[in-house]
Structures are given as structure tokens and as C-alpha cells.
Amino acid sequence: MFLKRRARQLVRSAAAEEGFTTAEYAVGTVAACGFGGLLYKVLTSDSILELIGDVIRKGFEFLF
């Protein structure tokens, strides 16, 4: 009896919050796109590319 009542409660609560998940996914998607754009801008800047190139160069100098 308890399990049936609990199952009904879960179904009702899931149906009541149906629209919220879509909005949360939309906000998360927009935030991820914004962060991705910012990360792209930072990683393609001249100073960062030079820094990454130096690190790789020094790594190969250490190996050989």
C-alpha cells in the first residue's frame, strides 16, 4: 500500500515540474556556449598561443 501511494506521489511531482527542466537545460546550454566562446577567445589570443608554443618547445628540448 505504501509503495503505491509513494509511486503516485512521484508521478504527480514529476508532472508538476515538467516545464522547469526545459528551462534549466536552456539556461545551461546558453551558459556553456558563453563559456566556450570565452575560452576560445582566450586560447586563441597571441600571448596564450606564444605561451603554449614555448611550453611545447621546452618539452621537446628536454626530451632530445
PDB file of N, CA and C in Angstrom:
ATOM      1  N   MET A   1       0.826  -1.198   0.000  1.00  0.00           N
ATOM      2  CA  MET A   1       0.000   0.000   0.000  1.00  0.00           C
ATOM      3  C   MET A   1       0.860   1.248   0.000  1.00  0.00           C
ATOM      4  N   PHE A   2       1.906   1.241   0.824  1.00  0.00           N
ATOM      5  CA  PHE A   2       2.798   2.400   0.903  1.00  0.00           C
ATOM      6  C   PHE A   2       3.480   2.662  -0.436  1.00  0.00           C
ATOM      7  N   LEU A   3       3.902   1.586  -1.122  1.00  0.00           N
ATOM      8  CA  LEU A   3       4.607   1.744  -2.392  1.00  0.00           C
ATOM      9  C   LEU A   3       3.709   2.351  -3.464  1.00  0.00           C
ATOM     10  N   LYS A   4       2.440   1.943  -3.499  1.00  0.00           N
ATOM     11  CA  LYS A   4       1.516   2.510  -4.481  1.00  0.00           C
ATOM     12  C   LYS A   4       1.321   4.005  -4.246  1.00  0.00           C
ATOM     13  N   ARG A   5       1.150   4.382  -2.975  1.00  0.00           N
ATOM     14  CA  ARG A   5       0.951   5.790  -2.633  1.00  0.00           C
ATOM     15  C   ARG A   5       2.198   6.602  -2.982  1.00  0.00           C
ATOM     16  N   ARG A   6       3.369   6.048  -2.675  1.00  0.00           N
ATOM     17  CA  ARG A   6       4.626   6.747  -2.969  1.00  0.00           C
ATOM     18  C   ARG A   6       4.822   6.887  -4.479  1.00  0.00           C
ATOM     19  N   ALA A   7       4.475   5.874  -5.243  1.00  0.00           N
ATOM     20  CA  ALA A   7       4.601   5.917  -6.697  1.00  0.00           C
ATOM     21  C   ALA A   7       3.696   7.000  -7.273  1.00  0.00           C
ATOM     22  N   ARG A   8       2.461   7.105  -6.760  1.00  0.00           N
ATOM     23  CA  ARG A   8       1.549   8.156  -7.222  1.00  0.00           C
ATOM     24  C   ARG A   8       2.096   9.534  -6.918  1.00  0.00           C
ATOM     25  N   GLN A   9       2.680   9.704  -5.742  1.00  0.00           N
ATOM     26  CA  GLN A   9       3.265  10.993  -5.366  1.00  0.00           C
ATOM     27  C   GLN A   9       4.406  11.365  -6.301  1.00  0.00           C
ATOM     28  N   LEU A  10       5.242  10.409  -6.623  1.00  0.00           N
ATOM     29  CA  LEU A  10       6.368  10.677  -7.515  1.00  0.00           C
ATOM     30  C   LEU A  10       5.902  11.061  -8.914  1.00  0.00           C
ATOM     31  N   VAL A  11       4.870  10.381  -9.407  1.00  0.00           N
ATOM     32  CA  VAL A  11       4.341  10.696 -10.737  1.00  0.00           C
ATOM     33  C   VAL A  11       3.745  12.094 -10.744  1.00  0.00           C
ATOM     34  N   ARG A  12       3.006  12.456  -9.717  1.00  0.00           N
ATOM     35  CA  ARG A  12       2.409  13.796  -9.640  1.00  0.00           C
ATOM     36  C   ARG A  12       3.478  14.878  -9.565  1.00  0.00           C
ATOM     37  N   SER A  13       4.496  14.667  -8.754  1.00  0.00           N
ATOM     38  CA  SER A  13       5.531  15.686  -8.605  1.00  0.00           C
ATOM     39  C   SER A  13       6.344  15.825  -9.887  1.00  0.00           C
ATOM     40  N   ALA A  14       6.570  14.737 -10.591  1.00  0.00           N
ATOM     41  CA  ALA A  14       7.313  14.806 -11.853  1.00  0.00           C
ATOM     42  C   ALA A  14       6.503  15.558 -12.902  1.00  0.00           C
ATOM     43  N   ALA A  15       5.204  15.345 -12.941  1.00  0.00           N
ATOM     44  CA  ALA A  15       4.361  16.038 -13.909  1.00  0.00           C
ATOM     45  C   ALA A  15       4.274  17.529 -13.595  1.00  0.00           C
ATOM     46  N   ALA A  16       4.306  17.897 -12.331  1.00  0.00           N
ATOM     47  CA  ALA A  16       4.196  19.304 -11.948  1.00  0.00           C
ATOM     48  C   ALA A  16       5.450  20.090 -12.320  1.00  0.00           C
ATOM     49  N   GLU A  17       6.596  19.433 -12.398  1.00  0.00           N
ATOM     50  CA  GLU A  17       7.854  20.117 -12.676  1.00  0.00           C
ATOM     51  C   GLU A  17       8.332  19.910 -14.108  1.00  0.00           C
ATOM     52  N   GLU A  18       7.467  19.490 -14.978  1.00  0.00           N
ATOM     53  CA  GLU A  18       7.862  19.153 -16.339  1.00  0.00           C
ATOM     54  C   GLU A  18       8.479  20.326 -17.093  1.00  0.00           C
ATOM     55  N   GLY A  19       7.924  21.519 -16.976  1.00  0.00           N
ATOM     56  CA  GLY A  19       8.433  22.673 -17.713  1.00  0.00           C
ATOM     57  C   GLY A  19       9.730  23.225 -17.168  1.00  0.00           C
ATOM     58  N   PHE A  20      10.007  22.991 -15.912  1.00  0.00           N
ATOM     59  CA  PHE A  20      11.217  23.541 -15.310  1.00  0.00           C
ATOM     60  C   PHE A  20      12.472  22.926 -15.911  1.00  0.00           C
ATOM     61  N   THR A  21      12.449  21.649 -16.220  1.00  0.00           N
ATOM     62  CA  THR A  21      13.654  21.014 -16.735  1.00  0.00           C
ATOM     63  C   THR A  21      14.049  21.604 -18.084  1.00  0.00           C
ATOM     64  N   THR A  22      13.078  21.937 -18.914  1.00  0.00           N
ATOM     65  CA  THR A  22      13.378  22.530 -20.209  1.00  0.00           C
ATOM     66  C   THR A  22      14.052  23.883 -20.033  1.00  0.00           C
ATOM     67  N   ALA A  23      13.554  24.695 -19.129  1.00  0.00           N
ATOM     68  CA  ALA A  23      14.162  25.998 -18.881  1.00  0.00           C
ATOM     69  C   ALA A  23      15.563  25.850 -18.300  1.00  0.00           C
ATOM     70  N   GLU A  24      15.747  24.879 -17.425  1.00  0.00           N
ATOM     71  CA  GLU A  24      17.073  24.665 -16.843  1.00  0.00           C
ATOM     72  C   GLU A  24      18.063  24.223 -17.907  1.00  0.00           C
ATOM     73  N   TYR A  25      17.645  23.356 -18.816  1.00  0.00           N
ATOM     74  CA  TYR A  25      18.526  22.936 -19.906  1.00  0.00           C
ATOM     75  C   TYR A  25      18.872  24.126 -20.802  1.00  0.00           C
ATOM     76  N   ALA A  26      17.903  24.986 -21.066  1.00  0.00           N
ATOM     77  CA  ALA A  26      18.154  26.154 -21.919  1.00  0.00           C
ATOM     78  C   ALA A  26      19.176  27.082 -21.273  1.00  0.00           C
ATOM     79  N   VAL A  27      19.027  27.349 -19.992  1.00  0.00           N
ATOM     80  CA  VAL A  27      19.977  28.216 -19.289  1.00  0.00           C
ATOM     81  C   VAL A  27      21.357  27.569 -19.268  1.00  0.00           C
ATOM     82  N   GLY A  28      21.415  26.276 -19.021  1.00  0.00           N
ATOM     83  CA  GLY A  28      22.698  25.569 -19.016  1.00  0.00           C
ATOM     84  C   GLY A  28      23.370  25.588 -20.377  1.00  0.00           C
ATOM     85  N   THR A  29      22.590  25.443 -21.435  1.00  0.00           N
ATOM     86  CA  THR A  29      23.133  25.472 -22.793  1.00  0.00           C
ATOM     87  C   THR A  29      23.690  26.841 -23.137  1.00  0.00           C
ATOM     88  N   VAL A  30      22.959  27.885 -22.784  1.00  0.00           N
ATOM     89  CA  VAL A  30      23.432  29.248 -23.047  1.00  0.00           C
ATOM     90  C   VAL A  30      24.705  29.531 -22.256  1.00  0.00           C
ATOM     91  N   ALA A  31      24.747  29.097 -21.004  1.00  0.00           N
ATOM     92  CA  ALA A  31      25.946  29.309 -20.183  1.00  0.00           C
ATOM     93  C   ALA A  31      27.140  28.548 -20.760  1.00  0.00           C
ATOM     94  N   ALA A  32      26.931  27.324 -21.211  1.00  0.00           N
ATOM     95  CA  ALA A  32      28.019  26.535 -21.791  1.00  0.00           C
ATOM     96  C   ALA A  32      28.534  27.165 -23.080  1.00  0.00           C
ATOM     97  N   CYS A  33      27.625  27.680 -23.892  1.00  0.00           N
ATOM     98  CA  CYS A  33      28.045  28.345 -25.133  1.00  0.00           C
ATOM     99  C   CYS A  33      28.835  29.617 -24.832  1.00  0.00           C
ATOM    100  N   GLY A  34      28.384  30.379 -23.858  1.00  0.00           N
ATOM    101  CA  GLY A  34      29.105  31.591 -23.473  1.00  0.00           C
ATOM    102  C   GLY A  34      30.488  31.275 -22.945  1.00  0.00           C
ATOM    103  N   PHE A  35      30.593  30.264 -22.112  1.00  0.00           N
ATOM    104  CA  PHE A  35      31.893  29.864 -21.573  1.00  0.00           C
ATOM    105  C   PHE A  35      32.794  29.340 -22.681  1.00  0.00           C
ATOM    106  N   GLY A  36      32.237  28.586 -23.603  1.00  0.00           N
ATOM    107  CA  GLY A  36      33.014  28.071 -24.729  1.00  0.00           C
ATOM    108  C   GLY A  36      33.557  29.197 -25.598  1.00  0.00           C
ATOM    109  N   GLY A  37      32.739  30.208 -25.850  1.00  0.00           N
ATOM    110  CA  GLY A  37      33.192  31.364 -26.631  1.00  0.00           C
ATOM    111  C   GLY A  37      34.306  32.121 -25.935  1.00  0.00           C
ATOM    112  N   LEU A  38      34.150  32.313 -24.650  1.00  0.00           N
ATOM    113  CA  LEU A  38      35.179  32.994 -23.868  1.00  0.00           C
ATOM    114  C   LEU A  38      36.477  32.197 -23.857  1.00  0.00           C
ATOM    115  N   LEU A  39      36.376  30.896 -23.660  1.00  0.00           N
ATOM    116  CA  LEU A  39      37.555  30.034 -23.653  1.00  0.00           C
ATOM    117  C   LEU A  39      38.256  30.053 -25.010  1.00  0.00           C
ATOM    118  N   TYR A  40      37.478  30.044 -26.082  1.00  0.00           N
ATOM    119  CA  TYR A  40      38.052  30.106 -27.430  1.00  0.00           C
ATOM    120  C   TYR A  40      38.831  31.407 -27.626  1.00  0.00           C
ATOM    121  N   LYS A  41      38.241  32.519 -27.196  1.00  0.00           N
ATOM    122  CA  LYS A  41      38.902  33.817 -27.343  1.00  0.00           C
ATOM    123  C   LYS A  41      40.209  33.858 -26.564  1.00  0.00           C
ATOM    124  N   VAL A  42      40.191  33.333 -25.348  1.00  0.00           N
ATOM    125  CA  VAL A  42      41.396  33.353 -24.513  1.00  0.00           C
ATOM    126  C   VAL A  42      42.468  32.464 -25.123  1.00  0.00           C
ATOM    127  N   LEU A  43      42.098  31.247 -25.526  1.00  0.00           N
ATOM    128  CA  LEU A  43      43.090  30.293 -26.021  1.00  0.00           C
ATOM    129  C   LEU A  43      43.649  30.665 -27.386  1.00  0.00           C
ATOM    130  N   THR A  44      42.959  31.482 -28.153  1.00  0.00           N
ATOM    131  CA  THR A  44      43.466  31.887 -29.462  1.00  0.00           C
ATOM    132  C   THR A  44      44.123  33.262 -29.432  1.00  0.00           C
ATOM    133  N   SER A  45      44.268  33.845 -28.258  1.00  0.00           N
ATOM    134  CA  SER A  45      44.956  35.128 -28.174  1.00  0.00           C
ATOM    135  C   SER A  45      46.450  34.915 -28.400  1.00  0.00           C
ATOM    136  N   ASP A  46      47.124  35.948 -28.882  1.00  0.00           N
ATOM    137  CA  ASP A  46      48.539  35.840 -29.230  1.00  0.00           C
ATOM    138  C   ASP A  46      49.407  35.438 -28.046  1.00  0.00           C
ATOM    139  N   SER A  47      49.164  36.032 -26.891  1.00  0.00           N
ATOM    140  CA  SER A  47      50.018  35.742 -25.736  1.00  0.00           C
ATOM    141  C   SER A  47      49.877  34.299 -25.276  1.00  0.00           C
ATOM    142  N   ILE A  48      48.667  33.754 -25.297  1.00  0.00           N
ATOM    143  CA  ILE A  48      48.450  32.374 -24.874  1.00  0.00           C
ATOM    144  C   ILE A  48      49.045  31.405 -25.893  1.00  0.00           C
ATOM    145  N   LEU A  49      48.872  31.688 -27.187  1.00  0.00           N
ATOM    146  CA  LEU A  49      49.460  30.824 -28.206  1.00  0.00           C
ATOM    147  C   LEU A  49      50.977  30.805 -28.088  1.00  0.00           C
ATOM    148  N   GLU A  50      51.572  31.952 -27.801  1.00  0.00           N
ATOM    149  CA  GLU A  50      53.017  32.018 -27.614  1.00  0.00           C
ATOM    150  C   GLU A  50      53.442  31.214 -26.379  1.00  0.00           C
ATOM    151  N   LEU A  51      52.676  31.344 -25.306  1.00  0.00           N
ATOM    152  CA  LEU A  51      52.983  30.602 -24.085  1.00  0.00           C
ATOM    153  C   LEU A  51      52.898  29.095 -24.312  1.00  0.00           C
ATOM    154  N   ILE A  52      51.861  28.643 -24.994  1.00  0.00           N
ATOM    155  CA  ILE A  52      51.700  27.222 -25.279  1.00  0.00           C
ATOM    156  C   ILE A  52      52.834  26.731 -26.180  1.00  0.00           C
ATOM    157  N   GLY A  53      53.188  27.528 -27.177  1.00  0.00           N
ATOM    158  CA  GLY A  53      54.303  27.167 -28.054  1.00  0.00           C
ATOM    159  C   GLY A  53      55.607  27.036 -27.289  1.00  0.00           C
ATOM    160  N   ASP A  54      55.860  27.951 -26.347  1.00  0.00           N
ATOM    161  CA  ASP A  54      57.075  27.878 -25.530  1.00  0.00           C
ATOM    162  C   ASP A  54      57.096  26.613 -24.677  1.00  0.00           C
ATOM    163  N   VAL A  55      55.983  26.281 -24.090  1.00  0.00           N
ATOM    164  CA  VAL A  55      55.901  25.080 -23.249  1.00  0.00           C
ATOM    165  C   VAL A  55      56.190  23.834 -24.082  1.00  0.00           C
ATOM    166  N   ILE A  56      55.607  23.758 -25.265  1.00  0.00           N
ATOM    167  CA  ILE A  56      55.833  22.594 -26.136  1.00  0.00           C
ATOM    168  C   ILE A  56      57.288  22.545 -26.585  1.00  0.00           C
ATOM    169  N   ARG A  57      57.838  23.686 -26.971  1.00  0.00           N
ATOM    170  CA  ARG A  57      59.234  23.747 -27.404  1.00  0.00           C
ATOM    171  C   ARG A  57      60.174  23.283 -26.290  1.00  0.00           C
ATOM    172  N   LYS A  58      59.962  23.782 -25.092  1.00  0.00           N
ATOM    173  CA  LYS A  58      60.811  23.394 -23.958  1.00  0.00           C
ATOM    174  C   LYS A  58      60.651  21.914 -23.630  1.00  0.00           C
ATOM    175  N   GLY A  59      59.454  21.403 -23.795  1.00  0.00           N
ATOM    176  CA  GLY A  59      59.232  19.971 -23.569  1.00  0.00           C
ATOM    177  C   GLY A  59      60.020  19.115 -24.533  1.00  0.00           C
ATOM    178  N   PHE A  60      60.044  19.515 -25.820  1.00  0.00           N
ATOM    179  CA  PHE A  60      60.823  18.760 -26.795  1.00  0.00           C
ATOM    180  C   PHE A  60      62.319  18.939 -26.584  1.00  0.00           C
ATOM    181  N   GLU A  61      62.753  20.100 -26.154  1.00  0.00           N
ATOM    182  CA  GLU A  61      64.170  20.315 -25.856  1.00  0.00           C
ATOM    183  C   GLU A  61      64.601  19.411 -24.693  1.00  0.00           C
ATOM    184  N   PHE A  62      63.727  19.217 -23.739  1.00  0.00           N
ATOM    185  CA  PHE A  62      64.038  18.369 -22.586  1.00  0.00           C
ATOM    186  C   PHE A  62      64.171  16.907 -23.020  1.00  0.00           C
ATOM    187  N   LEU A  63      63.341  16.481 -23.966  1.00  0.00           N
ATOM    188  CA  LEU A  63      63.363  15.085 -24.403  1.00  0.00           C
ATOM    189  C   LEU A  63      64.575  14.768 -25.281  1.00  0.00           C
ATOM    190  N   PHE A  64      65.003  15.730 -26.081  1.00  0.00           N
ATOM    191  CA  PHE A  64      66.085  15.434 -27.033  1.00  0.00           C
ATOM    192  C   PHE A  64      67.318  16.117 -26.626  1.00  0.00           C
TER     193      PHE A  64
END
